[in-house]
PDB file of N, CA and C in Angstrom:
ATOM      1  N   MET A   1       0.917  -1.191   0.109  1.00  0.00           N
ATOM      2  CA  MET A   1       0.033  -0.011  -0.028  1.00  0.00           C
ATOM      3  C   MET A   1       0.925   1.356   0.088  1.00  0.00           C
ATOM      4  N   MET A   2       0.455   2.063  -0.892  1.00  0.00           N
ATOM      5  CA  MET A   2       1.234   3.459  -0.925  1.00  0.00           C
ATOM      6  C   MET A   2       0.292   4.698  -0.780  1.00  0.00           C
ATOM      7  N   LEU A   3       0.824   5.663  -0.228  1.00  0.00           N
ATOM      8  CA  LEU A   3      -0.009   6.886  -0.507  1.00  0.00           C
ATOM      9  C   LEU A   3       1.000   8.058  -0.835  1.00  0.00           C
ATOM     10  N   ILE A   4       0.753   8.683  -1.899  1.00  0.00           N
ATOM     11  CA  ILE A   4       1.428   9.927  -2.245  1.00  0.00           C
ATOM     12  C   ILE A   4       0.683  11.148  -2.201  1.00  0.00           C
ATOM     13  N   LYS A   5       0.819  12.217  -1.583  1.00  0.00           N
ATOM     14  CA  LYS A   5       0.204  13.319  -1.604  1.00  0.00           C
ATOM     15  C   LYS A   5       0.450  14.117  -2.909  1.00  0.00           C
ATOM     16  N   LYS A   6      -0.492  14.422  -4.022  1.00  0.00           N
ATOM     17  CA  LYS A   6       0.051  14.687  -5.099  1.00  0.00           C
ATOM     18  C   LYS A   6      -0.265  16.335  -5.353  1.00  0.00           C
ATOM     19  N   ASN A   7      -0.799  16.959  -4.341  1.00  0.00           N
ATOM     20  CA  ASN A   7      -0.841  18.390  -4.169  1.00  0.00           C
ATOM     21  C   ASN A   7      -0.045  18.835  -3.335  1.00  0.00           C
ATOM     22  N   SER A   8       1.120  18.509  -3.040  1.00  0.00           N
ATOM     23  CA  SER A   8       2.090  18.780  -2.149  1.00  0.00           C
ATOM     24  C   SER A   8       2.377  20.444  -2.518  1.00  0.00           C
ATOM     25  N   LYS A   9       2.626  21.235  -1.582  1.00  0.00           N
ATOM     26  CA  LYS A   9       3.159  22.660  -2.020  1.00  0.00           C
ATOM     27  C   LYS A   9       4.455  22.592  -2.304  1.00  0.00           C
ATOM     28  N   GLN A  10       5.295  21.664  -1.865  1.00  0.00           N
ATOM     29  CA  GLN A  10       6.734  21.620  -2.367  1.00  0.00           C
ATOM     30  C   GLN A  10       6.940  21.346  -3.584  1.00  0.00           C
ATOM     31  N   VAL A  11       6.071  20.284  -4.129  1.00  0.00           N
ATOM     32  CA  VAL A  11       6.680  19.695  -5.552  1.00  0.00           C
ATOM     33  C   VAL A  11       5.288  20.155  -6.258  1.00  0.00           C
ATOM     34  N   LYS A  12       5.964  21.101  -7.373  1.00  0.00           N
ATOM     35  CA  LYS A  12       4.910  21.597  -8.303  1.00  0.00           C
ATOM     36  C   LYS A  12       4.760  20.615  -9.632  1.00  0.00           C
ATOM     37  N   ASP A  13       5.928  20.100  -9.846  1.00  0.00           N
ATOM     38  CA  ASP A  13       6.003  19.349 -11.058  1.00  0.00           C
ATOM     39  C   ASP A  13       5.635  18.005 -11.087  1.00  0.00           C
ATOM     40  N   GLN A  14       4.527  17.721 -11.585  1.00  0.00           N
ATOM     41  CA  GLN A  14       3.646  16.304 -11.492  1.00  0.00           C
ATOM     42  C   GLN A  14       4.429  15.193 -12.039  1.00  0.00           C
ATOM     43  N   ARG A  15       5.451  15.371 -12.996  1.00  0.00           N
ATOM     44  CA  ARG A  15       6.402  14.493 -13.260  1.00  0.00           C
ATOM     45  C   ARG A  15       7.263  13.739 -12.327  1.00  0.00           C
ATOM     46  N   VAL A  16       7.472  14.731 -11.232  1.00  0.00           N
ATOM     47  CA  VAL A  16       8.119  13.929  -9.867  1.00  0.00           C
ATOM     48  C   VAL A  16       7.378  13.020  -9.374  1.00  0.00           C
ATOM     49  N   PHE A  17       6.083  13.112  -9.328  1.00  0.00           N
ATOM     50  CA  PHE A  17       5.299  12.114  -8.828  1.00  0.00           C
ATOM     51  C   PHE A  17       5.170  10.841  -9.582  1.00  0.00           C
ATOM     52  N   LYS A  18       5.007  11.214 -10.879  1.00  0.00           N
ATOM     53  CA  LYS A  18       5.180  10.024 -11.848  1.00  0.00           C
ATOM     54  C   LYS A  18       6.390   9.015 -11.660  1.00  0.00           C
ATOM     55  N   VAL A  19       7.364   9.726 -11.824  1.00  0.00           N
ATOM     56  CA  VAL A  19       8.853   9.005 -11.426  1.00  0.00           C
ATOM     57  C   VAL A  19       8.429   8.152  -9.910  1.00  0.00           C
ATOM     58  N   VAL A  20       8.021   8.713  -9.065  1.00  0.00           N
ATOM     59  CA  VAL A  20       8.029   7.994  -7.765  1.00  0.00           C
ATOM     60  C   VAL A  20       7.090   7.101  -7.780  1.00  0.00           C
ATOM     61  N   GLU A  21       5.806   7.008  -8.532  1.00  0.00           N
ATOM     62  CA  GLU A  21       4.956   6.024  -8.435  1.00  0.00           C
ATOM     63  C   GLU A  21       5.633   4.683  -9.175  1.00  0.00           C
ATOM     64  N   ARG A  22       6.340   5.215 -10.487  1.00  0.00           N
ATOM     65  CA  ARG A  22       7.295   3.918 -11.027  1.00  0.00           C
ATOM     66  C   ARG A  22       7.971   3.325 -10.482  1.00  0.00           C
ATOM     67  N   LYS A  23       8.957   4.243  -9.592  1.00  0.00           N
ATOM     68  CA  LYS A  23       9.766   3.519  -8.829  1.00  0.00           C
ATOM     69  C   LYS A  23       9.505   2.734  -7.678  1.00  0.00           C
ATOM     70  N   PHE A  24       8.173   3.150  -7.153  1.00  0.00           N
ATOM     71  CA  PHE A  24       7.475   2.051  -6.167  1.00  0.00           C
ATOM     72  C   PHE A  24       6.894   0.902  -6.679  1.00  0.00           C
ATOM     73  N   LYS A  25       6.729   1.038  -7.859  1.00  0.00           N
ATOM     74  CA  LYS A  25       6.073  -0.464  -8.790  1.00  0.00           C
ATOM     75  C   LYS A  25       7.257  -1.153  -8.669  1.00  0.00           C
ATOM     76  N   PHE A  26       8.565  -0.698  -9.151  1.00  0.00           N
ATOM     77  CA  PHE A  26       9.912  -1.686  -8.913  1.00  0.00           C
ATOM     78  C   PHE A  26       9.983  -2.244  -7.528  1.00  0.00           C
ATOM     79  N   LEU A  27       9.784  -1.189  -6.653  1.00  0.00           N
ATOM     80  CA  LEU A  27      10.028  -1.745  -5.352  1.00  0.00           C
ATOM     81  C   LEU A  27       9.115  -2.906  -4.798  1.00  0.00           C
ATOM     82  N   LYS A  28       7.908  -2.738  -5.356  1.00  0.00           N
ATOM     83  CA  LYS A  28       6.832  -3.608  -4.815  1.00  0.00           C
ATOM     84  C   LYS A  28       6.932  -5.015  -5.605  1.00  0.00           C
ATOM     85  N   VAL A  29       7.465  -5.173  -6.723  1.00  0.00           N
ATOM     86  CA  VAL A  29       7.794  -6.345  -7.440  1.00  0.00           C
ATOM     87  C   VAL A  29       9.123  -6.997  -7.278  1.00  0.00           C
ATOM     88  N   VAL A  30      10.175  -6.042  -7.406  1.00  0.00           N
ATOM     89  CA  VAL A  30      11.796  -6.707  -7.355  1.00  0.00           C
ATOM     90  C   VAL A  30      12.103  -6.562  -5.720  1.00  0.00           C
ATOM     91  N   GLY A  31      11.816  -5.312  -5.123  1.00  0.00           N
ATOM     92  CA  GLY A  31      12.296  -5.507  -3.831  1.00  0.00           C
ATOM     93  C   GLY A  31      13.425  -4.226  -3.678  1.00  0.00           C
ATOM     94  N   LEU A  32      13.985  -3.921  -2.572  1.00  0.00           N
ATOM     95  CA  LEU A  32      14.899  -2.754  -2.493  1.00  0.00           C
ATOM     96  C   LEU A  32      16.191  -2.741  -3.356  1.00  0.00           C
ATOM     97  N   ASN A  33      16.497  -3.936  -3.919  1.00  0.00           N
ATOM     98  CA  ASN A  33      17.839  -4.009  -4.445  1.00  0.00           C
ATOM     99  C   ASN A  33      17.704  -4.040  -6.081  1.00  0.00           C
ATOM    100  N   TYR A  34      16.647  -3.314  -6.496  1.00  0.00           N
ATOM    101  CA  TYR A  34      16.557  -3.067  -7.932  1.00  0.00           C
ATOM    102  C   TYR A  34      17.239  -1.725  -8.343  1.00  0.00           C
ATOM    103  N   PRO A  35      18.293  -2.321  -9.300  1.00  0.00           N
ATOM    104  CA  PRO A  35      19.365  -1.159  -9.744  1.00  0.00           C
ATOM    105  C   PRO A  35      19.076  -0.074  -9.791  1.00  0.00           C
ATOM    106  N   SER A  36      17.844   0.324 -10.740  1.00  0.00           N
ATOM    107  CA  SER A  36      17.508   1.830 -11.113  1.00  0.00           C
ATOM    108  C   SER A  36      16.950   2.514 -10.007  1.00  0.00           C
ATOM    109  N   LEU A  37      16.375   1.643  -8.961  1.00  0.00           N
ATOM    110  CA  LEU A  37      15.875   2.515  -7.734  1.00  0.00           C
ATOM    111  C   LEU A  37      16.905   3.222  -6.913  1.00  0.00           C
ATOM    112  N   ASN A  38      18.043   2.520  -6.775  1.00  0.00           N
ATOM    113  CA  ASN A  38      19.169   3.288  -6.119  1.00  0.00           C
ATOM    114  C   ASN A  38      18.885   3.486  -4.776  1.00  0.00           C
ATOM    115  N   ALA A  39      18.020   2.516  -4.126  1.00  0.00           N
ATOM    116  CA  ALA A  39      17.548   2.881  -2.677  1.00  0.00           C
ATOM    117  C   ALA A  39      18.793   2.456  -1.632  1.00  0.00           C
ATOM    118  N   LYS A  40      18.648   3.295  -0.646  1.00  0.00           N
ATOM    119  CA  LYS A  40      19.697   3.141   0.180  1.00  0.00           C
ATOM    120  C   LYS A  40      18.977   3.389   1.791  1.00  0.00           C
ATOM    121  N   PRO A  41      19.465   2.965   2.767  1.00  0.00           N
ATOM    122  CA  PRO A  41      19.002   3.144   4.071  1.00  0.00           C
ATOM    123  C   PRO A  41      19.866   4.265   4.469  1.00  0.00           C
ATOM    124  N   LEU A  42      19.311   5.170   5.217  1.00  0.00           N
ATOM    125  CA  LEU A  42      20.179   6.164   6.039  1.00  0.00           C
ATOM    126  C   LEU A  42      20.525   5.700   7.254  1.00  0.00           C
ATOM    127  N   ASN A  43      21.895   6.133   7.564  1.00  0.00           N
ATOM    128  CA  ASN A  43      22.444   5.558   8.764  1.00  0.00           C
ATOM    129  C   ASN A  43      21.885   5.992  10.135  1.00  0.00           C
ATOM    130  N   ASN A  44      21.535   5.095  10.869  1.00  0.00           N
ATOM    131  CA  ASN A  44      20.887   5.188  12.105  1.00  0.00           C
ATOM    132  C   ASN A  44      19.601   6.355  12.246  1.00  0.00           C
ATOM    133  N   VAL A  45      18.895   6.508  11.085  1.00  0.00           N
ATOM    134  CA  VAL A  45      17.694   6.994  10.991  1.00  0.00           C
ATOM    135  C   VAL A  45      16.354   6.259  10.845  1.00  0.00           C
ATOM    136  N   TYR A  46      15.639   6.411  12.028  1.00  0.00           N
ATOM    137  CA  TYR A  46      14.235   5.426  11.867  1.00  0.00           C
ATOM    138  C   TYR A  46      13.173   6.301  12.362  1.00  0.00           C
ATOM    139  N   HIS A  47      12.102   5.648  11.778  1.00  0.00           N
ATOM    140  CA  HIS A  47      10.849   6.411  11.662  1.00  0.00           C
ATOM    141  C   HIS A  47       9.798   5.542  12.608  1.00  0.00           C
ATOM    142  N   GLU A  48       9.301   5.549  13.790  1.00  0.00           N
ATOM    143  CA  GLU A  48       8.368   4.658  14.437  1.00  0.00           C
ATOM    144  C   GLU A  48       9.048   3.183  14.476  1.00  0.00           C
ATOM    145  N   GLY A  49      10.472   3.266  14.580  1.00  0.00           N
ATOM    146  CA  GLY A  49      11.217   1.815  14.758  1.00  0.00           C
ATOM    147  C   GLY A  49      11.279   1.198  13.260  1.00  0.00           C
ATOM    148  N   VAL A  50      11.119   1.808  12.433  1.00  0.00           N
ATOM    149  CA  VAL A  50      11.273   1.288  11.121  1.00  0.00           C
ATOM    150  C   VAL A  50      12.514   2.046  10.486  1.00  0.00           C
ATOM    151  N   ASP A  51      13.501   1.428   9.460  1.00  0.00           N
ATOM    152  CA  ASP A  51      14.545   2.136   8.881  1.00  0.00           C
ATOM    153  C   ASP A  51      14.024   3.110   7.912  1.00  0.00           C
ATOM    154  N   VAL A  52      14.615   4.017   7.611  1.00  0.00           N
ATOM    155  CA  VAL A  52      14.152   5.200   6.769  1.00  0.00           C
ATOM    156  C   VAL A  52      15.197   5.015   5.745  1.00  0.00           C
ATOM    157  N   TRP A  53      14.536   4.986   4.345  1.00  0.00           N
ATOM    158  CA  TRP A  53      15.324   4.626   3.186  1.00  0.00           C
ATOM    159  C   TRP A  53      15.273   5.996   2.196  1.00  0.00           C
ATOM    160  N   GLU A  54      16.045   6.085   1.354  1.00  0.00           N
ATOM    161  CA  GLU A  54      16.081   6.993   0.337  1.00  0.00           C
ATOM    162  C   GLU A  54      16.420   6.626  -1.216  1.00  0.00           C
ATOM    163  N   PHE A  55      15.876   7.222  -2.187  1.00  0.00           N
ATOM    164  CA  PHE A  55      16.030   6.981  -3.406  1.00  0.00           C
ATOM    165  C   PHE A  55      16.146   8.254  -4.192  1.00  0.00           C
ATOM    166  N   TYR A  56      16.982   8.297  -5.152  1.00  0.00           N
ATOM    167  CA  TYR A  56      16.874   9.390  -6.119  1.00  0.00           C
ATOM    168  C   TYR A  56      15.804   9.392  -7.215  1.00  0.00           C
ATOM    169  N   ILE A  57      15.048  10.614  -7.196  1.00  0.00           N
ATOM    170  CA  ILE A  57      14.102  10.900  -8.320  1.00  0.00           C
ATOM    171  C   ILE A  57      14.759  11.337  -9.603  1.00  0.00           C
ATOM    172  N   SER A  58      15.532  12.170  -9.274  1.00  0.00           N
ATOM    173  CA  SER A  58      16.428  13.047 -10.331  1.00  0.00           C
ATOM    174  C   SER A  58      17.498  13.232  -9.522  1.00  0.00           C
ATOM    175  N   LYS A  59      18.587  14.423 -10.381  1.00  0.00           N
ATOM    176  CA  LYS A  59      19.676  14.782  -9.725  1.00  0.00           C
ATOM    177  C   LYS A  59      19.052  15.876  -8.607  1.00  0.00           C
ATOM    178  N   LYS A  60      18.184  16.684  -8.653  1.00  0.00           N
ATOM    179  CA  LYS A  60      17.489  17.641  -7.892  1.00  0.00           C
ATOM    180  C   LYS A  60      16.377  17.074  -6.537  1.00  0.00           C
ATOM    181  N   TRP A  61      15.943  15.857  -6.798  1.00  0.00           N
ATOM    182  CA  TRP A  61      14.857  15.463  -6.244  1.00  0.00           C
ATOM    183  C   TRP A  61      15.290  14.106  -5.341  1.00  0.00           C
ATOM    184  N   ARG A  62      14.788  14.051  -4.158  1.00  0.00           N
ATOM    185  CA  ARG A  62      15.091  12.747  -3.182  1.00  0.00           C
ATOM    186  C   ARG A  62      13.809  12.374  -2.597  1.00  0.00           C
ATOM    187  N   CYS A  63      13.418  11.192  -2.454  1.00  0.00           N
ATOM    188  CA  CYS A  63      12.341  10.631  -1.813  1.00  0.00           C
ATOM    189  C   CYS A  63      12.895   9.728  -0.651  1.00  0.00           C
ATOM    190  N   LEU A  64      12.191  10.271   0.555  1.00  0.00           N
ATOM    191  CA  LEU A  64      12.690   9.579   1.853  1.00  0.00           C
ATOM    192  C   LEU A  64      11.429   8.830   2.215  1.00  0.00           C
ATOM    193  N   PHE A  65      11.384   7.405   2.550  1.00  0.00           N
ATOM    194  CA  PHE A  65      10.426   6.571   3.031  1.00  0.00           C
ATOM    195  C   PHE A  65      10.838   5.509   3.921  1.00  0.00           C
ATOM    196  N   THR A  66       9.632   4.714   4.411  1.00  0.00           N
ATOM    197  CA  THR A  66       9.996   3.662   5.052  1.00  0.00           C
ATOM    198  C   THR A  66       9.456   2.403   4.371  1.00  0.00           C
ATOM    199  N   TYR A  67       9.819   1.303   4.645  1.00  0.00           N
ATOM    200  CA  TYR A  67       9.508   0.209   3.892  1.00  0.00           C
ATOM    201  C   TYR A  67       9.425  -1.194   4.778  1.00  0.00           C
ATOM    202  N   ASP A  68       8.284  -1.250   5.532  1.00  0.00           N
ATOM    203  CA  ASP A  68       8.395  -2.280   6.456  1.00  0.00           C
ATOM    204  C   ASP A  68       7.903  -3.805   5.872  1.00  0.00           C
ATOM    205  N   GLN A  69       8.766  -4.551   5.689  1.00  0.00           N
ATOM    206  CA  GLN A  69       8.773  -5.654   4.797  1.00  0.00           C
ATOM    207  C   GLN A  69       7.352  -6.671   5.388  1.00  0.00           C
ATOM    208  N   SER A  70       7.783  -6.899   6.763  1.00  0.00           N
ATOM    209  CA  SER A  70       6.625  -7.770   7.576  1.00  0.00           C
ATOM    210  C   SER A  70       5.076  -7.251   7.284  1.00  0.00           C
ATOM    211  N   GLN A  71       4.943  -5.933   7.064  1.00  0.00           N
ATOM    212  CA  GLN A  71       3.706  -5.494   7.105  1.00  0.00           C
ATOM    213  C   GLN A  71       3.293  -5.298   5.488  1.00  0.00           C
ATOM    214  N   LYS A  72       4.266  -5.222   4.747  1.00  0.00           N
ATOM    215  CA  LYS A  72       4.400  -4.904   3.107  1.00  0.00           C
ATOM    216  C   LYS A  72       3.732  -3.515   3.052  1.00  0.00           C
ATOM    217  N   LEU A  73       4.193  -2.403   3.914  1.00  0.00           N
ATOM    218  CA  LEU A  73       3.855  -1.107   3.854  1.00  0.00           C
ATOM    219  C   LEU A  73       4.944   0.000   3.644  1.00  0.00           C
ATOM    220  N   ILE A  74       4.526   0.662   2.719  1.00  0.00           N
ATOM    221  CA  ILE A  74       5.373   1.848   2.267  1.00  0.00           C
ATOM    222  C   ILE A  74       4.998   3.200   2.689  1.00  0.00           C
ATOM    223  N   ARG A  75       5.592   3.831   3.289  1.00  0.00           N
ATOM    224  CA  ARG A  75       5.160   5.302   4.031  1.00  0.00           C
ATOM    225  C   ARG A  75       6.098   6.049   3.174  1.00  0.00           C
ATOM    226  N   VAL A  76       5.658   7.317   2.612  1.00  0.00           N
ATOM    227  CA  VAL A  76       6.431   8.274   1.958  1.00  0.00           C
ATOM    228  C   VAL A  76       6.555   9.233   3.067  1.00  0.00           C
ATOM    229  N   LEU A  77       7.835   9.704   3.486  1.00  0.00           N
ATOM    230  CA  LEU A  77       8.071  10.573   4.476  1.00  0.00           C
ATOM    231  C   LEU A  77       8.145  11.872   3.894  1.00  0.00           C
ATOM    232  N   LYS A  78       9.032  11.972   2.787  1.00  0.00           N
ATOM    233  CA  LYS A  78       9.264  13.305   2.343  1.00  0.00           C
ATOM    234  C   LYS A  78       9.710  13.354   0.964  1.00  0.00           C
ATOM    235  N   ILE A  79       9.184  14.021   0.192  1.00  0.00           N
ATOM    236  CA  ILE A  79       9.779  14.231  -1.136  1.00  0.00           C
ATOM    237  C   ILE A  79      10.491  15.816  -1.133  1.00  0.00           C
ATOM    238  N   SER A  80      11.606  15.936  -1.542  1.00  0.00           N
ATOM    239  CA  SER A  80      12.170  17.145  -1.421  1.00  0.00           C
ATOM    240  C   SER A  80      13.327  17.473  -2.398  1.00  0.00           C
ATOM    241  N   ASN A  81      13.871  18.699  -2.466  1.00  0.00           N
ATOM    242  CA  ASN A  81      15.197  18.916  -3.109  1.00  0.00           C
ATOM    243  C   ASN A  81      16.279  18.411  -2.357  1.00  0.00           C
ATOM    244  N   HIS A  82      17.303  17.916  -3.177  1.00  0.00           N
ATOM    245  CA  HIS A  82      18.531  17.584  -2.562  1.00  0.00           C
ATOM    246  C   HIS A  82      19.517  18.560  -2.889  1.00  0.00           C
ATOM    247  N   LEU A  83      19.924  19.041  -1.614  1.00  0.00           N
ATOM    248  CA  LEU A  83      20.970  20.384  -1.653  1.00  0.00           C
ATOM    249  C   LEU A  83      22.277  19.725  -2.035  1.00  0.00           C
TER     250      LEU A  83
END
């Protein structure tokens, strides 16, 4: 299950959301090791006891999320500019 708020004030470009949705489809089918997903855990960062992960949307954008394999739950925490 995945929920992405498409009317975010931070993200005006809807293409960003299309990329995020496509990458989460890869995650659902193949898992965190899918090469083009480039997902990696953030060191010592947790949200409600679950590791926080990141993947690149583009050179400018990043997505922070949690992936609870036991519950098969993806929670998008933040889609933001990468400085």
